C-alpha atoms as a PDB file:
ATOM      1  CA  MET A   1      19.247 -12.522  -2.852  1.00  0.00           C
ATOM      2  CA  ALA A   2      15.598 -11.749  -3.487  1.00  0.00           C
ATOM      3  CA  VAL A   3      13.508 -10.007  -0.885  1.00  0.00           C
ATOM      4  CA  GLY A   4      10.630 -12.204   0.213  1.00  0.00           C
ATOM      5  CA  LEU A   5       7.147 -11.451   1.413  1.00  0.00           C
ATOM      6  CA  SER A   6       6.528 -12.100   5.075  1.00  0.00           C
ATOM      7  CA  PHE A   7       3.293 -12.402   7.024  1.00  0.00           C
ATOM      8  CA  PRO A   8       2.133 -14.020  10.277  1.00  0.00           C
ATOM      9  CA  ILE A   9       0.902 -17.593  10.122  1.00  0.00           C
ATOM     10  CA  LEU A  10      -2.668 -18.294  11.165  1.00  0.00           C
ATOM     11  CA  SER A  11      -2.887 -20.256  14.368  1.00  0.00           C
ATOM     12  CA  ILE A  12      -5.373 -22.819  13.094  1.00  0.00           C
ATOM     13  CA  ASP A  13      -5.151 -26.575  13.286  1.00  0.00           C
ATOM     14  CA  PRO A  14      -4.111 -27.698   9.760  1.00  0.00           C
ATOM     15  CA  CYS A  15      -6.218 -30.868   9.966  1.00  0.00           C
ATOM     16  CA  HIS A  16      -9.337 -28.691  10.106  1.00  0.00           C
ATOM     17  CA  TYR A  17      -8.825 -27.664   6.490  1.00  0.00           C
ATOM     18  CA  CYS A  18      -8.088 -31.118   5.104  1.00  0.00           C
ATOM     19  CA  ASP A  19     -11.646 -31.876   4.106  1.00  0.00           C
ATOM     20  CA  ALA A  20     -13.409 -30.591   1.006  1.00  0.00           C
ATOM     21  CA  ARG A  21     -15.869 -28.400   2.903  1.00  0.00           C
ATOM     22  CA  GLY A  22     -13.080 -26.598   4.760  1.00  0.00           C
ATOM     23  CA  LEU A  23     -11.260 -26.068   1.488  1.00  0.00           C
ATOM     24  CA  ALA A  24     -14.402 -24.695  -0.157  1.00  0.00           C
ATOM     25  CA  TRP A  25     -15.105 -22.270   2.702  1.00  0.00           C
ATOM     26  CA  THR A  26     -11.497 -21.086   2.799  1.00  0.00           C
ATOM     27  CA  GLN A  27     -11.564 -20.569  -0.963  1.00  0.00           C
ATOM     28  CA  MET A  28     -14.810 -18.611  -0.758  1.00  0.00           C
ATOM     29  CA  LEU A  29     -13.691 -16.392   2.136  1.00  0.00           C
ATOM     30  CA  ALA A  30     -10.049 -15.796   1.195  1.00  0.00           C
ATOM     31  CA  LEU A  31      -9.785 -15.737  -2.591  1.00  0.00           C
ATOM     32  CA  THR A  32     -11.188 -13.313  -5.153  1.00  0.00           C
ATOM     33  CA  GLY A  33     -11.858 -13.279  -8.877  1.00  0.00           C
ATOM     34  CA  ALA A  34     -11.170 -16.391 -10.922  1.00  0.00           C
ATOM     35  CA  ALA A  35      -9.273 -18.005  -8.043  1.00  0.00           C
ATOM     36  CA  ARG A  36     -12.571 -18.467  -6.236  1.00  0.00           C
ATOM     37  CA  ARG A  37     -13.656 -20.945  -8.884  1.00  0.00           C
ATOM     38  CA  TRP A  38     -10.395 -22.916  -9.173  1.00  0.00           C
ATOM     39  CA  GLU A  39     -10.592 -26.667  -8.840  1.00  0.00           C
ATOM     40  CA  PRO A  40      -8.785 -28.299  -5.878  1.00  0.00           C
ATOM     41  CA  ARG A  41      -5.951 -29.490  -8.142  1.00  0.00           C
ATOM     42  CA  ARG A  42      -5.264 -25.969  -9.402  1.00  0.00           C
ATOM     43  CA  LEU A  43      -5.350 -24.630  -5.833  1.00  0.00           C
ATOM     44  CA  ARG A  44      -2.847 -27.263  -4.801  1.00  0.00           C
ATOM     45  CA  LEU A  45      -0.509 -26.505  -7.702  1.00  0.00           C
ATOM     46  CA  ARG A  46      -0.640 -22.706  -7.395  1.00  0.00           C
ATOM     47  CA  ILE A  47      -1.390 -21.784  -3.802  1.00  0.00           C
ATOM     48  CA  PHE A  48      -0.615 -24.730  -1.528  1.00  0.00           C
ATOM     49  CA  SER A  49       2.651 -25.749  -3.209  1.00  0.00           C
ATOM     50  CA  ALA A  50       4.356 -22.378  -2.711  1.00  0.00           C
ATOM     51  CA  ALA A  51       7.796 -22.834  -1.238  1.00  0.00           C
ATOM     52  CA  GLY A  52       8.195 -20.927   1.986  1.00  0.00           C
ATOM     53  CA  ARG A  53      10.203 -20.765   5.161  1.00  0.00           C
ATOM     54  CA  ILE A  54       8.835 -20.635   8.681  1.00  0.00           C
ATOM     55  CA  VAL A  55      10.718 -17.983  10.662  1.00  0.00           C
ATOM     56  CA  ARG A  56      10.491 -17.957  14.435  1.00  0.00           C
ATOM     57  CA  GLY A  57      10.943 -14.804  16.449  1.00  0.00           C
ATOM     58  CA  ARG A  58       8.495 -12.811  18.510  1.00  0.00           C
ATOM     59  CA  ARG A  59       5.896 -14.067  16.068  1.00  0.00           C
ATOM     60  CA  ILE A  60       5.892 -17.075  13.793  1.00  0.00           C
ATOM     61  CA  ARG A  61       6.014 -15.922  10.174  1.00  0.00           C
ATOM     62  CA  LEU A  62       5.888 -17.606   6.804  1.00  0.00           C
ATOM     63  CA  ARG A  63       8.242 -16.138   4.213  1.00  0.00           C
ATOM     64  CA  ILE A  64       7.361 -16.662   0.547  1.00  0.00           C
ATOM     65  CA  ALA A  65       9.621 -15.686  -2.346  1.00  0.00           C
ATOM     66  CA  ALA A  66       8.451 -12.446  -3.975  1.00  0.00           C
ATOM     67  CA  ARG A  67       9.094 -13.944  -7.425  1.00  0.00           C
ATOM     68  CA  TRP A  68       6.483 -16.678  -6.926  1.00  0.00           C
ATOM     69  CA  PRO A  69       3.765 -15.935  -9.525  1.00  0.00           C
ATOM     70  CA  TRP A  70       0.920 -16.149  -6.998  1.00  0.00           C
ATOM     71  CA  ALA A  71       2.698 -14.618  -3.987  1.00  0.00           C
ATOM     72  CA  SER A  72       0.457 -11.553  -3.999  1.00  0.00           C
ATOM     73  CA  GLN A  73      -2.647 -13.785  -4.174  1.00  0.00           C
ATOM     74  CA  ILE A  74      -1.387 -15.790  -1.192  1.00  0.00           C
ATOM     75  CA  THR A  75      -0.591 -12.741   0.949  1.00  0.00           C
ATOM     76  CA  ALA A  76      -3.909 -11.079   0.100  1.00  0.00           C
ATOM     77  CA  SER A  77      -5.832 -14.225   1.033  1.00  0.00           C
ATOM     78  CA  ILE A  78      -3.965 -14.540   4.344  1.00  0.00           C
ATOM     79  CA  ALA A  79      -4.744 -10.877   5.088  1.00  0.00           C
ATOM     80  CA  ARG A  80      -8.450 -11.482   4.334  1.00  0.00           C
ATOM     81  CA  LEU A  81      -8.522 -14.468   6.688  1.00  0.00           C
ATOM     82  CA  HIS A  82      -6.819 -12.428   9.423  1.00  0.00           C
ATOM     83  CA  ALA A  83      -9.417  -9.655   9.000  1.00  0.00           C
ATOM     84  CA  LEU A  84     -12.344 -12.008   9.672  1.00  0.00           C
ATOM     85  CA  GLU A  85     -14.118 -11.587  12.971  1.00  0.00           C
ATOM     86  CA  PRO A  86     -14.186 -14.711  15.169  1.00  0.00           C
ATOM     87  CA  ILE A  87     -17.600 -16.201  15.770  1.00  0.00           C
END
């Protein structure tokens, strides 16, 4: 059994990020390098389609398989979003 990556889920309404502007801002704030310029289709195929499991405990966590090719990109982007100061 492979060890997965685990991190807390953001407590944000998912409908807020359904529009193109929300996607563009999330991409600009969370991603780095070439991933910042990916088209929405590529984002969907690489980042948003990652298989994961929601684990409930003291905190709600999302577990992603460590073998997923973009798992490190996903965890780094979640960490960047968590580090943002609220307005």
